[in-house]
C-alpha atoms as a PDB file:
ATOM      1  CA  MET A   1       1.315  -4.069 -11.688  1.00  0.00           C
ATOM      2  CA  LYS A   2       0.524  -7.598 -12.836  1.00  0.00           C
ATOM      3  CA  ALA A   3       3.583  -8.996 -11.050  1.00  0.00           C
ATOM      4  CA  ILE A   4       2.579  -7.199  -7.855  1.00  0.00           C
ATOM      5  CA  ASN A   5      -0.981  -8.533  -7.973  1.00  0.00           C
ATOM      6  CA  ASN A   6       0.035 -12.102  -8.831  1.00  0.00           C
ATOM      7  CA  ASN A   7       0.633 -13.821  -5.488  1.00  0.00           C
ATOM      8  CA  ASN A   8       2.371 -16.777  -7.119  1.00  0.00           C
ATOM      9  CA  ALA A   9       4.998 -14.612  -8.792  1.00  0.00           C
ATOM     10  CA  ILE A  10       6.054 -12.689  -5.693  1.00  0.00           C
ATOM     11  CA  SER A  11       8.067 -13.783  -2.673  1.00  0.00           C
ATOM     12  CA  PRO A  12       7.511 -12.438   0.866  1.00  0.00           C
ATOM     13  CA  ALA A  13      10.809 -10.535   0.701  1.00  0.00           C
ATOM     14  CA  THR A  14       9.807  -8.929  -2.578  1.00  0.00           C
ATOM     15  CA  GLY A  15       6.452  -8.047  -1.038  1.00  0.00           C
ATOM     16  CA  ILE A  16       8.200  -6.117   1.730  1.00  0.00           C
ATOM     17  CA  ILE A  17      10.478  -4.382  -0.765  1.00  0.00           C
ATOM     18  CA  ILE A  18       7.438  -3.314  -2.798  1.00  0.00           C
ATOM     19  CA  MET A  19       5.172  -2.418   0.118  1.00  0.00           C
ATOM     20  CA  VAL A  20       7.552  -0.251   2.156  1.00  0.00           C
ATOM     21  CA  PRO A  21       8.342   2.318  -0.569  1.00  0.00           C
ATOM     22  CA  THR A  22       4.683   2.322  -1.598  1.00  0.00           C
ATOM     23  CA  ILE A  23       3.540   3.148   1.939  1.00  0.00           C
ATOM     24  CA  ILE A  24       6.224   5.846   2.258  1.00  0.00           C
ATOM     25  CA  ILE A  25       5.225   7.424  -1.051  1.00  0.00           C
ATOM     26  CA  LEU A  26       1.508   7.324  -0.228  1.00  0.00           C
ATOM     27  CA  THR A  27       2.194   8.850   3.194  1.00  0.00           C
ATOM     28  CA  ALA A  28       4.204  11.639   1.558  1.00  0.00           C
ATOM     29  CA  ILE A  29       1.330  12.296  -0.857  1.00  0.00           C
ATOM     30  CA  ILE A  30      -1.159  12.508   2.017  1.00  0.00           C
ATOM     31  CA  MET A  31       1.093  14.906   3.932  1.00  0.00           C
ATOM     32  CA  SER A  32       1.480  17.114   0.858  1.00  0.00           C
ATOM     33  CA  TRP A  33      -2.302  17.173   0.398  1.00  0.00           C
ATOM     34  CA  GLY A  34      -2.717  18.240   4.011  1.00  0.00           C
ATOM     35  CA  THR A  35      -5.990  18.185   5.896  1.00  0.00           C
ATOM     36  CA  GLY A  36      -9.388  18.927   4.444  1.00  0.00           C
ATOM     37  CA  ILE A  37     -11.870  16.829   2.510  1.00  0.00           C
ATOM     38  CA  THR A  38      -9.351  15.555  -0.037  1.00  0.00           C
ATOM     39  CA  GLY A  39      -6.785  14.665   2.620  1.00  0.00           C
ATOM     40  CA  HIS A  40      -9.432  13.050   4.798  1.00  0.00           C
ATOM     41  CA  LEU A  41     -10.778  10.881   1.973  1.00  0.00           C
ATOM     42  CA  SER A  42      -7.310   9.959   0.752  1.00  0.00           C
ATOM     43  CA  LYS A  43      -6.394   8.670   4.211  1.00  0.00           C
ATOM     44  CA  HIS A  44      -9.322   6.251   4.170  1.00  0.00           C
ATOM     45  CA  ILE A  45      -8.467   5.151   0.637  1.00  0.00           C
ATOM     46  CA  VAL A  46      -4.816   4.562   1.524  1.00  0.00           C
ATOM     47  CA  PHE A  47      -5.700   2.746   4.752  1.00  0.00           C
ATOM     48  CA  ALA A  48      -8.028   0.455   2.816  1.00  0.00           C
ATOM     49  CA  PHE A  49      -5.390  -0.103   0.139  1.00  0.00           C
ATOM     50  CA  THR A  50      -2.683  -0.809   2.728  1.00  0.00           C
ATOM     51  CA  SER A  51      -4.946  -3.193   4.656  1.00  0.00           C
ATOM     52  CA  VAL A  52      -5.657  -5.204   1.513  1.00  0.00           C
ATOM     53  CA  ARG A  53      -1.950  -5.335   0.637  1.00  0.00           C
ATOM     54  CA  LEU A  54      -1.045  -6.472   4.163  1.00  0.00           C
ATOM     55  CA  ILE A  55      -3.741  -9.158   4.150  1.00  0.00           C
ATOM     56  CA  ARG A  56      -2.555 -10.450   0.776  1.00  0.00           C
ATOM     57  CA  PHE A  57       1.041 -10.319   1.994  1.00  0.00           C
ATOM     58  CA  ASN A  58       0.144 -12.338   5.097  1.00  0.00           C
ATOM     59  CA  ASP A  59      -1.440 -14.995   2.881  1.00  0.00           C
ATOM     60  CA  LEU A  60       1.984 -15.557   1.317  1.00  0.00           C
ATOM     61  CA  LEU A  61       3.626 -16.454   4.629  1.00  0.00           C
END
């Protein structure tokens, strides 16, 4: 996790390689949870997480 969070140690290409599988996995988890309170909350958590990752990724470009 430290390498992922350290902007200086990660290239834009590596960021894409890390982000894409992460988003796919998180989406699969949400789908498996389905709708309901847990699914609803998890969507907001994942959206917030993804937004932060995308913002940090854009800072690298």
